[in-house]
């Protein structure tokens, strides 16, 4: 996702007086800026950095929703709203089938070692930002198990 698109969406939400949506998108803009500053690219925020920031914020929001006590309906509603807004900007993640096909096509030699730690260390950089780590782990376990 382009950083400018994110900022445009934030401005649109401001103009529409949609305070809650604006706050969520503003958080995404801030997270992307923080990653860029940490990596020394303050002036030129890449799409990959924005995607990483959005993915991280989505993970955090989902964890908040999952760990929220059942009796706190107000918080559950707020967290669910955050998740739904962030998902609009989240990069499309690979499906289990796509991960399996990629592993079989490009990592057969590593899979044959049956060393899960070594396999994960080798394949994770290729899937960074494209697939969920837990999903990759499950697919690897299925393939070597």
C-alpha atoms as a PDB file:
ATOM      1  CA  UNK A   1       0.000   0.000   0.000  1.00  0.00           C
ATOM      2  CA  UNK A   2       1.224   3.465  -0.827  1.00  0.00           C
ATOM      3  CA  UNK A   3       1.804   5.818   2.103  1.00  0.00           C
ATOM      4  CA  UNK A   4       0.057   8.636   0.239  1.00  0.00           C
ATOM      5  CA  UNK A   5      -3.082   6.488  -0.159  1.00  0.00           C
ATOM      6  CA  UNK A   6      -3.136   5.962   3.599  1.00  0.00           C
ATOM      7  CA  UNK A   7      -2.821   9.698   4.235  1.00  0.00           C
ATOM      8  CA  UNK A   8      -5.547  10.431   1.672  1.00  0.00           C
ATOM      9  CA  UNK A   9      -7.893   8.001   3.446  1.00  0.00           C
ATOM     10  CA  UNK A  10      -7.134   9.714   6.760  1.00  0.00           C
ATOM     11  CA  UNK A  11      -7.968  13.132   5.286  1.00  0.00           C
ATOM     12  CA  UNK A  12     -11.180  11.739   3.767  1.00  0.00           C
ATOM     13  CA  UNK A  13     -12.210  10.412   7.186  1.00  0.00           C
ATOM     14  CA  UNK A  14     -11.436  13.811   8.749  1.00  0.00           C
ATOM     15  CA  UNK A  15     -13.556  15.638   6.182  1.00  0.00           C
ATOM     16  CA  UNK A  16     -16.405  13.170   6.769  1.00  0.00           C
ATOM     17  CA  UNK A  17     -16.149  13.849  10.532  1.00  0.00           C
ATOM     18  CA  UNK A  18     -15.667  10.112  11.109  1.00  0.00           C
ATOM     19  CA  UNK A  19     -13.541  10.478  14.238  1.00  0.00           C
ATOM     20  CA  UNK A  20     -13.184   6.752  15.058  1.00  0.00           C
ATOM     21  CA  UNK A  21     -12.094   5.785  11.529  1.00  0.00           C
ATOM     22  CA  UNK A  22      -9.701   8.749  11.363  1.00  0.00           C
ATOM     23  CA  UNK A  23      -8.079   7.703  14.644  1.00  0.00           C
ATOM     24  CA  UNK A  24      -7.489   4.130  13.425  1.00  0.00           C
ATOM     25  CA  UNK A  25      -6.008   5.290  10.106  1.00  0.00           C
ATOM     26  CA  UNK A  26      -3.939   7.939  11.916  1.00  0.00           C
ATOM     27  CA  UNK A  27      -2.472   5.121  14.027  1.00  0.00           C
ATOM     28  CA  UNK A  28      -1.495   3.287  10.837  1.00  0.00           C
ATOM     29  CA  UNK A  29       0.160   6.434   9.433  1.00  0.00           C
ATOM     30  CA  UNK A  30       2.106   6.881  12.684  1.00  0.00           C
ATOM     31  CA  UNK A  31       3.197   3.223  12.732  1.00  0.00           C
ATOM     32  CA  UNK A  32       4.446   3.480   9.135  1.00  0.00           C
ATOM     33  CA  UNK A  33       6.330   6.702   9.931  1.00  0.00           C
ATOM     34  CA  UNK A  34       7.915   5.088  12.987  1.00  0.00           C
ATOM     35  CA  UNK A  35       9.209   2.128  10.970  1.00  0.00           C
ATOM     36  CA  UNK A  36      10.590   4.508   8.329  1.00  0.00           C
ATOM     37  CA  UNK A  37      12.333   6.666  10.930  1.00  0.00           C
ATOM     38  CA  UNK A  38      13.776   3.599  12.677  1.00  0.00           C
ATOM     39  CA  UNK A  39      15.203   2.443   9.348  1.00  0.00           C
ATOM     40  CA  UNK A  40      16.539   5.862   8.387  1.00  0.00           C
ATOM     41  CA  UNK A  41      14.152   6.462   5.472  1.00  0.00           C
ATOM     42  CA  UNK A  42      12.069   9.228   6.999  1.00  0.00           C
ATOM     43  CA  UNK A  43      11.473  11.087   3.727  1.00  0.00           C
ATOM     44  CA  UNK A  44      10.798   8.061   1.520  1.00  0.00           C
ATOM     45  CA  UNK A  45       8.389   5.589   3.125  1.00  0.00           C
ATOM     46  CA  UNK A  46       8.242   2.454   0.977  1.00  0.00           C
ATOM     47  CA  UNK A  47       5.155   0.334   0.269  1.00  0.00           C
ATOM     48  CA  UNK A  48       6.843  -2.569   2.059  1.00  0.00           C
ATOM     49  CA  UNK A  49       7.295  -0.494   5.214  1.00  0.00           C
ATOM     50  CA  UNK A  50       3.631   0.558   5.124  1.00  0.00           C
ATOM     51  CA  UNK A  51       2.541  -3.069   4.640  1.00  0.00           C
ATOM     52  CA  UNK A  52       4.688  -4.173   7.599  1.00  0.00           C
ATOM     53  CA  UNK A  53       3.227  -1.445   9.803  1.00  0.00           C
ATOM     54  CA  UNK A  54      -0.344  -2.308   8.805  1.00  0.00           C
ATOM     55  CA  UNK A  55       0.256  -6.040   9.351  1.00  0.00           C
ATOM     56  CA  UNK A  56       1.717  -5.396  12.794  1.00  0.00           C
ATOM     57  CA  UNK A  57      -1.174  -3.133  13.790  1.00  0.00           C
ATOM     58  CA  UNK A  58      -3.660  -5.747  12.522  1.00  0.00           C
ATOM     59  CA  UNK A  59      -1.994  -8.459  14.620  1.00  0.00           C
ATOM     60  CA  UNK A  60      -2.126  -6.223  17.692  1.00  0.00           C
ATOM     61  CA  UNK A  61      -5.790  -5.333  17.128  1.00  0.00           C
ATOM     62  CA  UNK A  62      -6.748  -8.998  16.661  1.00  0.00           C
ATOM     63  CA  UNK A  63      -4.899  -9.938  19.866  1.00  0.00           C
ATOM     64  CA  UNK A  64      -6.760  -7.192  21.743  1.00  0.00           C
ATOM     65  CA  UNK A  65     -10.073  -8.468  20.405  1.00  0.00           C
ATOM     66  CA  UNK A  66      -9.274 -12.082  21.317  1.00  0.00           C
ATOM     67  CA  UNK A  67      -8.079 -11.253  24.836  1.00  0.00           C
ATOM     68  CA  UNK A  68     -10.966  -8.912  25.629  1.00  0.00           C
ATOM     69  CA  UNK A  69     -13.248 -10.184  28.424  1.00  0.00           C
ATOM     70  CA  UNK A  70     -16.651 -11.357  27.161  1.00  0.00           C
ATOM     71  CA  UNK A  71     -18.563  -9.025  29.481  1.00  0.00           C
ATOM     72  CA  UNK A  72     -16.858  -5.926  27.990  1.00  0.00           C
ATOM     73  CA  UNK A  73     -19.134  -5.510  24.968  1.00  0.00           C
ATOM     74  CA  UNK A  74     -18.110  -1.858  24.567  1.00  0.00           C
ATOM     75  CA  UNK A  75     -14.441  -2.780  24.194  1.00  0.00           C
ATOM     76  CA  UNK A  76     -15.218  -5.749  21.940  1.00  0.00           C
ATOM     77  CA  UNK A  77     -17.164  -3.451  19.623  1.00  0.00           C
ATOM     78  CA  UNK A  78     -14.327  -0.907  19.560  1.00  0.00           C
ATOM     79  CA  UNK A  79     -11.674  -3.573  18.854  1.00  0.00           C
ATOM     80  CA  UNK A  80     -13.815  -5.214  16.165  1.00  0.00           C
ATOM     81  CA  UNK A  81     -14.193  -1.825  14.479  1.00  0.00           C
ATOM     82  CA  UNK A  82     -10.409  -1.283  14.601  1.00  0.00           C
ATOM     83  CA  UNK A  83      -9.800  -4.719  13.056  1.00  0.00           C
ATOM     84  CA  UNK A  84     -12.323  -4.074  10.267  1.00  0.00           C
ATOM     85  CA  UNK A  85     -10.760  -0.705   9.350  1.00  0.00           C
ATOM     86  CA  UNK A  86      -7.181  -2.013   9.460  1.00  0.00           C
ATOM     87  CA  UNK A  87      -8.144  -5.036   7.318  1.00  0.00           C
ATOM     88  CA  UNK A  88      -9.118  -2.614   4.530  1.00  0.00           C
ATOM     89  CA  UNK A  89      -5.465  -1.590   4.260  1.00  0.00           C
ATOM     90  CA  UNK A  90      -3.781  -4.897   5.115  1.00  0.00           C
ATOM     91  CA  UNK A  91      -1.782  -6.621   2.386  1.00  0.00           C
ATOM     92  CA  UNK A  92      -3.399  -9.771   1.009  1.00  0.00           C
ATOM     93  CA  UNK A  93      -1.910 -12.789   2.756  1.00  0.00           C
ATOM     94  CA  UNK A  94      -1.114 -16.028   0.960  1.00  0.00           C
ATOM     95  CA  UNK A  95      -3.476 -18.946   1.510  1.00  0.00           C
ATOM     96  CA  UNK A  96      -2.397 -22.299   2.922  1.00  0.00           C
ATOM     97  CA  UNK A  97      -2.467 -23.793  -0.588  1.00  0.00           C
ATOM     98  CA  UNK A  98      -0.315 -20.983  -2.006  1.00  0.00           C
ATOM     99  CA  UNK A  99       2.248 -21.392   0.786  1.00  0.00           C
ATOM    100  CA  UNK A 100       2.394 -25.146   0.240  1.00  0.00           C
ATOM    101  CA  UNK A 101       2.835 -24.716  -3.528  1.00  0.00           C
ATOM    102  CA  UNK A 102       5.623 -22.151  -3.000  1.00  0.00           C
ATOM    103  CA  UNK A 103       7.428 -24.413  -0.516  1.00  0.00           C
ATOM    104  CA  UNK A 104       7.196 -27.446  -2.807  1.00  0.00           C
ATOM    105  CA  UNK A 105       8.348 -25.427  -5.821  1.00  0.00           C
ATOM    106  CA  UNK A 106      11.310 -23.603  -4.293  1.00  0.00           C
ATOM    107  CA  UNK A 107      12.323 -25.271  -1.037  1.00  0.00           C
ATOM    108  CA  UNK A 108      12.238 -29.051  -1.610  1.00  0.00           C
ATOM    109  CA  UNK A 109      15.927 -29.440  -0.748  1.00  0.00           C
ATOM    110  CA  UNK A 110      15.444 -27.748   2.640  1.00  0.00           C
ATOM    111  CA  UNK A 111      12.201 -29.626   3.337  1.00  0.00           C
ATOM    112  CA  UNK A 112      14.001 -32.931   2.831  1.00  0.00           C
ATOM    113  CA  UNK A 113      16.226 -32.199   5.856  1.00  0.00           C
ATOM    114  CA  UNK A 114      13.095 -32.412   8.074  1.00  0.00           C
ATOM    115  CA  UNK A 115      14.797 -29.912  10.414  1.00  0.00           C
ATOM    116  CA  UNK A 116      11.902 -27.579  11.223  1.00  0.00           C
ATOM    117  CA  UNK A 117      14.090 -24.850  12.719  1.00  0.00           C
ATOM    118  CA  UNK A 118      16.389 -24.754   9.704  1.00  0.00           C
ATOM    119  CA  UNK A 119      13.441 -24.816   7.295  1.00  0.00           C
ATOM    120  CA  UNK A 120      11.693 -21.906   9.037  1.00  0.00           C
ATOM    121  CA  UNK A 121      14.934 -19.888   9.143  1.00  0.00           C
ATOM    122  CA  UNK A 122      15.375 -20.422   5.410  1.00  0.00           C
ATOM    123  CA  UNK A 123      11.815 -19.767   4.210  1.00  0.00           C
ATOM    124  CA  UNK A 124      10.636 -16.949   6.503  1.00  0.00           C
ATOM    125  CA  UNK A 125      12.500 -14.129   4.699  1.00  0.00           C
ATOM    126  CA  UNK A 126      10.830 -15.115   1.408  1.00  0.00           C
ATOM    127  CA  UNK A 127       7.348 -14.992   2.977  1.00  0.00           C
ATOM    128  CA  UNK A 128       7.853 -11.861   5.083  1.00  0.00           C
ATOM    129  CA  UNK A 129       4.787  -9.655   4.737  1.00  0.00           C
ATOM    130  CA  UNK A 130       3.117 -12.109   2.352  1.00  0.00           C
ATOM    131  CA  UNK A 131       1.992 -14.865   4.705  1.00  0.00           C
ATOM    132  CA  UNK A 132       1.157 -15.393   8.353  1.00  0.00           C
ATOM    133  CA  UNK A 133       4.021 -16.985  10.306  1.00  0.00           C
ATOM    134  CA  UNK A 134       1.702 -19.395  12.135  1.00  0.00           C
ATOM    135  CA  UNK A 135       0.245 -20.561   8.822  1.00  0.00           C
ATOM    136  CA  UNK A 136       3.742 -21.149   7.398  1.00  0.00           C
ATOM    137  CA  UNK A 137       4.661 -23.145  10.497  1.00  0.00           C
ATOM    138  CA  UNK A 138       1.556 -25.337  10.118  1.00  0.00           C
ATOM    139  CA  UNK A 139       2.250 -25.993   6.435  1.00  0.00           C
ATOM    140  CA  UNK A 140       5.907 -26.867   7.149  1.00  0.00           C
ATOM    141  CA  UNK A 141       4.838 -29.245   9.943  1.00  0.00           C
ATOM    142  CA  UNK A 142       2.344 -30.905   7.597  1.00  0.00           C
ATOM    143  CA  UNK A 143       4.932 -31.307   4.822  1.00  0.00           C
ATOM    144  CA  UNK A 144       7.686 -32.789   7.017  1.00  0.00           C
ATOM    145  CA  UNK A 145       5.385 -34.710   9.347  1.00  0.00           C
END
